Amino acid sequence: MDIKKHLIITGNSNVSWKDAIVKAVEEASKTIDYISEIKILEQRANVDGNKISEYFVDLDLSFIVDLNRKNS
């Protein structure tokens, strides 16, 4: 049986929402093991003049708890 934890994170990008998602998952995976899925909760952007200047995405990141991990 897998036990999952959920963590809400926010990613950002100057390129696109997709890029913000990819960057957020890449950064989170540096410190969180066993990431299993993400759910996009919200997308928003900053507008400068008539153009989007920055994209933001809130993600519900799920990861599997390592039940065999030994406490140090």
PDB file of N, CA and C in Angstrom:
ATOM      1  N   MET A   1       0.841  -1.173   0.000  1.00  0.00           N
ATOM      2  CA  MET A   1       0.000   0.000   0.000  1.00  0.00           C
ATOM      3  C   MET A   1       0.889   1.240   0.000  1.00  0.00           C
ATOM      4  N   ASP A   2       0.593   2.172  -0.879  1.00  0.00           N
ATOM      5  CA  ASP A   2       1.311   3.438  -0.937  1.00  0.00           C
ATOM      6  C   ASP A   2       0.582   4.497  -0.119  1.00  0.00           C
ATOM      7  N   ILE A   3       1.355   5.249   0.637  1.00  0.00           N
ATOM      8  CA  ILE A   3       0.823   6.411   1.335  1.00  0.00           C
ATOM      9  C   ILE A   3       1.402   7.632   0.648  1.00  0.00           C
ATOM     10  N   LYS A   4       0.535   8.571   0.289  1.00  0.00           N
ATOM     11  CA  LYS A   4       0.983   9.766  -0.410  1.00  0.00           C
ATOM     12  C   LYS A   4       0.815  10.999   0.461  1.00  0.00           C
ATOM     13  N   LYS A   5       1.751  11.910   0.318  1.00  0.00           N
ATOM     14  CA  LYS A   5       1.640  13.230   0.929  1.00  0.00           C
ATOM     15  C   LYS A   5       1.400  14.228  -0.180  1.00  0.00           C
ATOM     16  N   HIS A   6       0.778  15.345   0.158  1.00  0.00           N
ATOM     17  CA  HIS A   6       0.511  16.410  -0.796  1.00  0.00           C
ATOM     18  C   HIS A   6       1.164  17.687  -0.310  1.00  0.00           C
ATOM     19  N   LEU A   7       1.697  18.420  -1.260  1.00  0.00           N
ATOM     20  CA  LEU A   7       2.355  19.680  -0.972  1.00  0.00           C
ATOM     21  C   LEU A   7       1.929  20.670  -2.049  1.00  0.00           C
ATOM     22  N   ILE A   8       1.506  21.847  -1.662  1.00  0.00           N
ATOM     23  CA  ILE A   8       1.129  22.866  -2.642  1.00  0.00           C
ATOM     24  C   ILE A   8       2.334  23.768  -2.879  1.00  0.00           C
ATOM     25  N   ILE A   9       2.722  23.863  -4.158  1.00  0.00           N
ATOM     26  CA  ILE A   9       3.864  24.689  -4.535  1.00  0.00           C
ATOM     27  C   ILE A   9       3.448  25.649  -5.648  1.00  0.00           C
ATOM     28  N   THR A  10       4.215  26.714  -5.820  1.00  0.00           N
ATOM     29  CA  THR A  10       3.965  27.693  -6.881  1.00  0.00           C
ATOM     30  C   THR A  10       5.203  27.789  -7.759  1.00  0.00           C
ATOM     31  N   GLY A  11       4.987  27.678  -9.065  1.00  0.00           N
ATOM     32  CA  GLY A  11       6.067  27.845 -10.028  1.00  0.00           C
ATOM     33  C   GLY A  11       5.839  29.111 -10.830  1.00  0.00           C
ATOM     34  N   ASN A  12       6.925  29.650 -11.383  1.00  0.00           N
ATOM     35  CA  ASN A  12       6.782  30.839 -12.212  1.00  0.00           C
ATOM     36  C   ASN A  12       7.730  30.769 -13.408  1.00  0.00           C
ATOM     37  N   SER A  13       7.401  31.534 -14.440  1.00  0.00           N
ATOM     38  CA  SER A  13       8.192  31.566 -15.661  1.00  0.00           C
ATOM     39  C   SER A  13       7.895  32.850 -16.416  1.00  0.00           C
ATOM     40  N   ASN A  14       8.865  33.290 -17.182  1.00  0.00           N
ATOM     41  CA  ASN A  14       8.660  34.418 -18.086  1.00  0.00           C
ATOM     42  C   ASN A  14       8.239  33.951 -19.473  1.00  0.00           C
ATOM     43  N   VAL A  15       8.145  32.636 -19.668  1.00  0.00           N
ATOM     44  CA  VAL A  15       7.880  32.051 -20.990  1.00  0.00           C
ATOM     45  C   VAL A  15       6.432  31.596 -21.154  1.00  0.00           C
ATOM     46  N   SER A  16       5.968  30.704 -20.237  1.00  0.00           N
ATOM     47  CA  SER A  16       4.624  30.129 -20.383  1.00  0.00           C
ATOM     48  C   SER A  16       4.206  29.428 -19.095  1.00  0.00           C
ATOM     49  N   TRP A  17       2.914  29.071 -19.013  1.00  0.00           N
ATOM     50  CA  TRP A  17       2.445  28.285 -17.879  1.00  0.00           C
ATOM     51  C   TRP A  17       3.079  26.903 -17.899  1.00  0.00           C
ATOM     52  N   LYS A  18       3.207  26.316 -19.076  1.00  0.00           N
ATOM     53  CA  LYS A  18       3.834  24.994 -19.181  1.00  0.00           C
ATOM     54  C   LYS A  18       5.257  25.044 -18.644  1.00  0.00           C
ATOM     55  N   ASP A  19       5.998  26.067 -19.004  1.00  0.00           N
ATOM     56  CA  ASP A  19       7.370  26.218 -18.521  1.00  0.00           C
ATOM     57  C   ASP A  19       7.395  26.375 -17.001  1.00  0.00           C
ATOM     58  N   ALA A  20       6.438  27.093 -16.446  1.00  0.00           N
ATOM     59  CA  ALA A  20       6.352  27.257 -14.994  1.00  0.00           C
ATOM     60  C   ALA A  20       6.117  25.909 -14.314  1.00  0.00           C
ATOM     61  N   ILE A  21       5.274  25.075 -14.903  1.00  0.00           N
ATOM     62  CA  ILE A  21       5.003  23.742 -14.355  1.00  0.00           C
ATOM     63  C   ILE A  21       6.261  22.885 -14.385  1.00  0.00           C
ATOM     64  N   VAL A  22       6.911  22.859 -15.541  1.00  0.00           N
ATOM     65  CA  VAL A  22       8.117  22.040 -15.704  1.00  0.00           C
ATOM     66  C   VAL A  22       9.201  22.473 -14.723  1.00  0.00           C
ATOM     67  N   LYS A  23       9.420  23.772 -14.603  1.00  0.00           N
ATOM     68  CA  LYS A  23      10.447  24.282 -13.690  1.00  0.00           C
ATOM     69  C   LYS A  23      10.116  23.951 -12.237  1.00  0.00           C
ATOM     70  N   ALA A  24       8.851  24.074 -11.864  1.00  0.00           N
ATOM     71  CA  ALA A  24       8.448  23.783 -10.487  1.00  0.00           C
ATOM     72  C   ALA A  24       8.691  22.316 -10.137  1.00  0.00           C
ATOM     73  N   VAL A  25       8.340  21.416 -11.040  1.00  0.00           N
ATOM     74  CA  VAL A  25       8.545  19.988 -10.793  1.00  0.00           C
ATOM     75  C   VAL A  25      10.039  19.663 -10.747  1.00  0.00           C
ATOM     76  N   GLU A  26      10.817  20.258 -11.645  1.00  0.00           N
ATOM     77  CA  GLU A  26      12.267  20.026 -11.646  1.00  0.00           C
ATOM     78  C   GLU A  26      12.894  20.484 -10.333  1.00  0.00           C
ATOM     79  N   GLU A  27      12.517  21.658  -9.849  1.00  0.00           N
ATOM     80  CA  GLU A  27      13.075  22.173  -8.597  1.00  0.00           C
ATOM     81  C   GLU A  27      12.629  21.333  -7.410  1.00  0.00           C
ATOM     82  N   ALA A  28      11.356  20.968  -7.368  1.00  0.00           N
ATOM     83  CA  ALA A  28      10.847  20.171  -6.249  1.00  0.00           C
ATOM     84  C   ALA A  28      11.522  18.800  -6.196  1.00  0.00           C
ATOM     85  N   SER A  29      11.799  18.232  -7.357  1.00  0.00           N
ATOM     86  CA  SER A  29      12.403  16.895  -7.397  1.00  0.00           C
ATOM     87  C   SER A  29      13.843  16.887  -6.884  1.00  0.00           C
ATOM     88  N   LYS A  30      14.448  18.053  -6.722  1.00  0.00           N
ATOM     89  CA  LYS A  30      15.804  18.120  -6.162  1.00  0.00           C
ATOM     90  C   LYS A  30      15.812  17.791  -4.675  1.00  0.00           C
ATOM     91  N   THR A  31      14.694  18.027  -3.988  1.00  0.00           N
ATOM     92  CA  THR A  31      14.635  17.784  -2.544  1.00  0.00           C
ATOM     93  C   THR A  31      13.522  16.834  -2.117  1.00  0.00           C
ATOM     94  N   ILE A  32      12.647  16.454  -3.034  1.00  0.00           N
ATOM     95  CA  ILE A  32      11.542  15.553  -2.708  1.00  0.00           C
ATOM     96  C   ILE A  32      11.657  14.307  -3.575  1.00  0.00           C
ATOM     97  N   ASP A  33      11.738  13.145  -2.925  1.00  0.00           N
ATOM     98  CA  ASP A  33      11.816  11.871  -3.642  1.00  0.00           C
ATOM     99  C   ASP A  33      10.422  11.324  -3.910  1.00  0.00           C
ATOM    100  N   TYR A  34      10.323  10.470  -4.902  1.00  0.00           N
ATOM    101  CA  TYR A  34       9.111   9.703  -5.204  1.00  0.00           C
ATOM    102  C   TYR A  34       7.908  10.560  -5.598  1.00  0.00           C
ATOM    103  N   ILE A  35       8.138  11.653  -6.328  1.00  0.00           N
ATOM    104  CA  ILE A  35       7.016  12.445  -6.829  1.00  0.00           C
ATOM    105  C   ILE A  35       6.212  11.560  -7.775  1.00  0.00           C
ATOM    106  N   SER A  36       4.911  11.507  -7.551  1.00  0.00           N
ATOM    107  CA  SER A  36       4.089  10.584  -8.330  1.00  0.00           C
ATOM    108  C   SER A  36       3.082  11.278  -9.244  1.00  0.00           C
ATOM    109  N   GLU A  37       2.619  12.464  -8.873  1.00  0.00           N
ATOM    110  CA  GLU A  37       1.660  13.163  -9.731  1.00  0.00           C
ATOM    111  C   GLU A  37       1.552  14.621  -9.305  1.00  0.00           C
ATOM    112  N   ILE A  38       0.995  15.417 -10.220  1.00  0.00           N
ATOM    113  CA  ILE A  38       0.700  16.810  -9.912  1.00  0.00           C
ATOM    114  C   ILE A  38      -0.711  17.127 -10.382  1.00  0.00           C
ATOM    115  N   LYS A  39      -1.312  18.082  -9.717  1.00  0.00           N
ATOM    116  CA  LYS A  39      -2.625  18.588 -10.115  1.00  0.00           C
ATOM    117  C   LYS A  39      -2.498  20.103 -10.200  1.00  0.00           C
ATOM    118  N   ILE A  40      -2.906  20.662 -11.315  1.00  0.00           N
ATOM    119  CA  ILE A  40      -2.848  22.106 -11.492  1.00  0.00           C
ATOM    120  C   ILE A  40      -4.055  22.717 -10.787  1.00  0.00           C
ATOM    121  N   LEU A  41      -3.781  23.555  -9.789  1.00  0.00           N
ATOM    122  CA  LEU A  41      -4.850  24.166  -9.015  1.00  0.00           C
ATOM    123  C   LEU A  41      -5.272  25.513  -9.580  1.00  0.00           C
ATOM    124  N   GLU A  42      -4.282  26.308 -10.015  1.00  0.00           N
ATOM    125  CA  GLU A  42      -4.597  27.653 -10.503  1.00  0.00           C
ATOM    126  C   GLU A  42      -3.481  28.146 -11.413  1.00  0.00           C
ATOM    127  N   GLN A  43      -3.870  28.918 -12.412  1.00  0.00           N
ATOM    128  CA  GLN A  43      -2.924  29.598 -13.289  1.00  0.00           C
ATOM    129  C   GLN A  43      -3.261  31.080 -13.266  1.00  0.00           C
ATOM    130  N   ARG A  44      -2.223  31.910 -13.215  1.00  0.00           N
ATOM    131  CA  ARG A  44      -2.427  33.352 -13.256  1.00  0.00           C
ATOM    132  C   ARG A  44      -1.194  33.995 -13.871  1.00  0.00           C
ATOM    133  N   ALA A  45      -1.279  35.275 -14.144  1.00  0.00           N
ATOM    134  CA  ALA A  45      -0.158  35.956 -14.786  1.00  0.00           C
ATOM    135  C   ALA A  45      -0.143  37.430 -14.416  1.00  0.00           C
ATOM    136  N   ASN A  46       1.047  38.008 -14.474  1.00  0.00           N
ATOM    137  CA  ASN A  46       1.210  39.452 -14.375  1.00  0.00           C
ATOM    138  C   ASN A  46       1.204  40.024 -15.786  1.00  0.00           C
ATOM    139  N   VAL A  47       0.589  41.177 -15.934  1.00  0.00           N
ATOM    140  CA  VAL A  47       0.522  41.835 -17.234  1.00  0.00           C
ATOM    141  C   VAL A  47       1.239  43.172 -17.137  1.00  0.00           C
ATOM    142  N   ASP A  48       2.097  43.429 -18.105  1.00  0.00           N
ATOM    143  CA  ASP A  48       2.821  44.687 -18.189  1.00  0.00           C
ATOM    144  C   ASP A  48       2.454  45.328 -19.526  1.00  0.00           C
ATOM    145  N   GLY A  49       1.729  46.425 -19.458  1.00  0.00           N
ATOM    146  CA  GLY A  49       1.230  47.031 -20.694  1.00  0.00           C
ATOM    147  C   GLY A  49       0.149  46.152 -21.276  1.00  0.00           C
ATOM    148  N   ASN A  50       0.403  45.617 -22.458  1.00  0.00           N
ATOM    149  CA  ASN A  50      -0.578  44.723 -23.088  1.00  0.00           C
ATOM    150  C   ASN A  50      -0.018  43.311 -23.280  1.00  0.00           C
ATOM    151  N   LYS A  51       1.064  42.966 -22.542  1.00  0.00           N
ATOM    152  CA  LYS A  51       1.682  41.647 -22.679  1.00  0.00           C
ATOM    153  C   LYS A  51       1.847  40.983 -21.313  1.00  0.00           C
ATOM    154  N   ILE A  52       1.771  39.663 -21.325  1.00  0.00           N
ATOM    155  CA  ILE A  52       2.024  38.903 -20.105  1.00  0.00           C
ATOM    156  C   ILE A  52       3.522  38.966 -19.816  1.00  0.00           C
ATOM    157  N   SER A  53       3.856  39.377 -18.591  1.00  0.00           N
ATOM    158  CA  SER A  53       5.262  39.502 -18.220  1.00  0.00           C
ATOM    159  C   SER A  53       5.752  38.324 -17.366  1.00  0.00           C
ATOM    160  N   GLU A  54       4.830  37.658 -16.654  1.00  0.00           N
ATOM    161  CA  GLU A  54       5.227  36.516 -15.839  1.00  0.00           C
ATOM    162  C   GLU A  54       4.030  35.597 -15.622  1.00  0.00           C
ATOM    163  N   TYR A  55       4.285  34.296 -15.741  1.00  0.00           N
ATOM    164  CA  TYR A  55       3.263  33.264 -15.581  1.00  0.00           C
ATOM    165  C   TYR A  55       3.456  32.572 -14.237  1.00  0.00           C
ATOM    166  N   PHE A  56       2.357  32.279 -13.545  1.00  0.00           N
ATOM    167  CA  PHE A  56       2.391  31.586 -12.263  1.00  0.00           C
ATOM    168  C   PHE A  56       1.448  30.391 -12.315  1.00  0.00           C
ATOM    169  N   VAL A  57       1.823  29.329 -11.630  1.00  0.00           N
ATOM    170  CA  VAL A  57       0.965  28.154 -11.545  1.00  0.00           C
ATOM    171  C   VAL A  57       1.083  27.570 -10.134  1.00  0.00           C
ATOM    172  N   ASP A  58      -0.059  27.278  -9.522  1.00  0.00           N
ATOM    173  CA  ASP A  58      -0.093  26.595  -8.227  1.00  0.00           C
ATOM    174  C   ASP A  58      -0.359  25.119  -8.491  1.00  0.00           C
ATOM    175  N   LEU A  59       0.482  24.276  -7.899  1.00  0.00           N
ATOM    176  CA  LEU A  59       0.388  22.835  -8.115  1.00  0.00           C
ATOM    177  C   LEU A  59       0.178  22.107  -6.800  1.00  0.00           C
ATOM    178  N   ASP A  60      -0.649  21.077  -6.832  1.00  0.00           N
ATOM    179  CA  ASP A  60      -0.751  20.116  -5.734  1.00  0.00           C
ATOM    180  C   ASP A  60       0.167  18.969  -6.132  1.00  0.00           C
ATOM    181  N   LEU A  61       1.313  18.893  -5.476  1.00  0.00           N
ATOM    182  CA  LEU A  61       2.318  17.895  -5.798  1.00  0.00           C
ATOM    183  C   LEU A  61       2.150  16.711  -4.845  1.00  0.00           C
ATOM    184  N   SER A  62       2.041  15.509  -5.386  1.00  0.00           N
ATOM    185  CA  SER A  62       1.890  14.302  -4.564  1.00  0.00           C
ATOM    186  C   SER A  62       3.179  13.495  -4.624  1.00  0.00           C
ATOM    187  N   PHE A  63       3.564  12.965  -3.479  1.00  0.00           N
ATOM    188  CA  PHE A  63       4.730  12.084  -3.467  1.00  0.00           C
ATOM    189  C   PHE A  63       4.482  10.939  -2.497  1.00  0.00           C
ATOM    190  N   ILE A  64       5.121   9.821  -2.786  1.00  0.00           N
ATOM    191  CA  ILE A  64       4.920   8.602  -2.021  1.00  0.00           C
ATOM    192  C   ILE A  64       5.835   8.626  -0.795  1.00  0.00           C
ATOM    193  N   VAL A  65       5.269   8.300   0.354  1.00  0.00           N
ATOM    194  CA  VAL A  65       6.029   8.232   1.598  1.00  0.00           C
ATOM    195  C   VAL A  65       6.836   6.927   1.597  1.00  0.00           C
ATOM    196  N   ASP A  66       8.129   7.056   1.894  1.00  0.00           N
ATOM    197  CA  ASP A  66       9.011   5.886   1.969  1.00  0.00           C
ATOM    198  C   ASP A  66       8.841   5.225   3.342  1.00  0.00           C
ATOM    199  N   LEU A  67       8.071   4.161   3.388  1.00  0.00           N
ATOM    200  CA  LEU A  67       7.776   3.489   4.648  1.00  0.00           C
ATOM    201  C   LEU A  67       8.979   2.736   5.194  1.00  0.00           C
ATOM    202  N   ASN A  68       9.994   2.482   4.368  1.00  0.00           N
ATOM    203  CA  ASN A  68      11.179   1.756   4.794  1.00  0.00           C
ATOM    204  C   ASN A  68      12.314   2.678   5.228  1.00  0.00           C
ATOM    205  N   ARG A  69      12.086   3.971   5.187  1.00  0.00           N
ATOM    206  CA  ARG A  69      13.113   4.941   5.562  1.00  0.00           C
ATOM    207  C   ARG A  69      13.435   4.826   7.049  1.00  0.00           C
ATOM    208  N   LYS A  70      14.705   4.849   7.348  1.00  0.00           N
ATOM    209  CA  LYS A  70      15.141   4.792   8.744  1.00  0.00           C
ATOM    210  C   LYS A  70      15.344   6.198   9.257  1.00  0.00           C
ATOM    211  N   ASN A  71      14.845   6.476  10.439  1.00  0.00           N
ATOM    212  CA  ASN A  71      15.046   7.794  11.066  1.00  0.00           C
ATOM    213  C   ASN A  71      16.479   7.883  11.554  1.00  0.00           C
ATOM    214  N   SER A  72      17.072   9.081  11.399  1.00  0.00           N
ATOM    215  CA  SER A  72      18.438   9.241  11.879  1.00  0.00           C
ATOM    216  C   SER A  72      18.502  10.002  13.172  1.00  0.00           C
TER     217      SER A  72
END
